[in-house]
Protein backbone atom coordinates (compact mmCIF):
# COMPACT_ATOMS: atom_id res chain seq x y z
CA MET A 1 -10.53 20.58 -3.77
CA ALA A 2 -11.69 18.63 -0.42
CA ALA A 3 -10.53 19.90 3.14
CA ALA A 4 -7.55 19.46 4.90
CA LYS A 5 -9.23 16.96 7.19
CA ASP A 6 -10.55 15.49 4.26
CA VAL A 7 -7.50 14.24 2.68
CA PRO A 8 -5.61 11.16 3.24
CA GLY A 9 -2.37 11.50 4.89
CA TRP A 10 0.30 9.63 6.24
CA MET A 11 -0.38 9.38 9.74
CA THR A 12 -3.80 8.62 8.78
CA GLU A 13 -3.15 5.87 6.59
CA ILE A 14 -0.78 4.79 9.67
CA ARG A 15 -3.28 4.78 12.16
CA TYR A 16 -5.77 2.88 10.27
CA PHE A 17 -2.78 0.00 9.08
CA TYR A 18 -2.40 -0.70 12.24
CA LEU A 19 -5.49 -1.04 13.66
CA ARG A 20 -6.25 -3.10 10.90
CA GLN A 21 -3.48 -5.80 11.96
CA THR A 22 -4.94 -6.05 14.72
CA THR A 23 -7.93 -7.88 12.82
CA CYS A 24 -6.73 -8.38 9.66
CA PRO A 25 -2.74 -9.17 9.95
CA LEU A 26 -0.51 -9.40 6.25
CA SER A 27 2.16 -11.23 6.10
CA PRO A 28 5.49 -10.13 6.04
CA HIS A 29 6.19 -9.35 2.27
CA ALA A 30 2.55 -7.71 2.17
CA GLN A 31 3.36 -5.16 5.24
CA ALA A 32 6.85 -4.15 2.92
CA MET A 33 4.83 -3.73 -0.17
CA TRP A 34 2.15 -1.61 1.88
CA GLN A 35 5.25 0.63 3.21
CA TYR A 36 6.70 0.52 0.10
CA LEU A 37 3.01 1.78 -2.21
CA MET A 38 2.50 4.63 1.09
CA TYR A 39 5.82 6.04 0.88
CA ARG A 40 5.30 6.33 -3.34
CA ALA A 41 1.98 8.12 -2.47
CA ASN A 42 3.67 9.97 -0.34
CA ALA A 43 6.03 11.02 -2.64
CA VAL A 44 3.30 12.24 -5.15
CA TRP A 45 1.47 13.96 -3.02
CA TRP A 46 -1.01 11.13 -2.59
CA HIS A 47 -2.69 12.20 -6.41
CA PHE A 48 -4.23 8.88 -7.29
CA PRO A 49 -4.31 6.61 -9.54
CA LEU A 50 -1.52 4.97 -8.49
CA VAL A 51 0.30 3.61 -11.15
CA LEU A 52 3.55 1.20 -10.74
CA ARG A 53 5.16 -1.54 -12.81
CA LEU A 54 5.12 -5.08 -11.31
CA GLY A 55 9.08 -4.94 -12.08
CA GLU A 56 9.78 -1.70 -10.31
CA LEU A 57 7.60 -2.87 -7.26
CA ALA A 58 9.74 -6.14 -7.42
CA GLY A 59 12.92 -4.43 -7.39
CA ALA A 60 11.94 -1.99 -4.86
CA LEU A 61 10.94 -4.77 -2.81
CA ASN A 62 13.76 -7.14 -3.35
CA MET A 63 10.84 -9.70 -4.05
CA SER A 64 10.09 -11.86 -7.45
CA VAL A 65 6.94 -10.67 -9.66
CA SER A 66 5.33 -13.55 -8.28
CA MET A 67 5.92 -12.82 -4.82
CA VAL A 68 4.90 -9.19 -5.80
CA LYS A 69 1.79 -10.61 -7.13
CA LYS A 70 0.60 -12.61 -4.19
CA ALA A 71 1.14 -9.72 -1.61
CA ARG A 72 -1.21 -7.50 -3.76
CA GLN A 73 -3.92 -9.76 -3.77
CA GLU A 74 -3.32 -10.18 -0.02
CA LEU A 75 -3.56 -6.57 0.95
CA SER A 76 -7.22 -6.26 -2.17
CA ASP A 77 -8.16 -9.06 -0.02
CA GLY A 78 -7.66 -7.56 3.01
CA ARG A 79 -8.58 -4.37 1.87
CA TYR A 80 -5.80 -2.61 2.66
CA ILE A 81 -5.75 -1.70 -1.24
CA LEU A 82 -7.84 -1.03 -3.87
CA HIS A 83 -6.51 -3.08 -7.24
CA GLU A 84 -7.12 -2.08 -10.94
């Protein structure tokens, strides 16, 4: 098991997110998706991989599936998330 300081957490990720926003800003849709992903990761105690269906993301974010895909790609391209 990793030391507590090595485990990602809500505050660590939030700080990184806003620091990255200064050099690699995201669209509002991608920001909303990132926030939802943070919520879901925290809800499962940061156990990865986090597996979510496109329909779930679209419903939770009130976006179309195509907009979710676009936001996910933006997050991936900006290195905010790793997507497989």
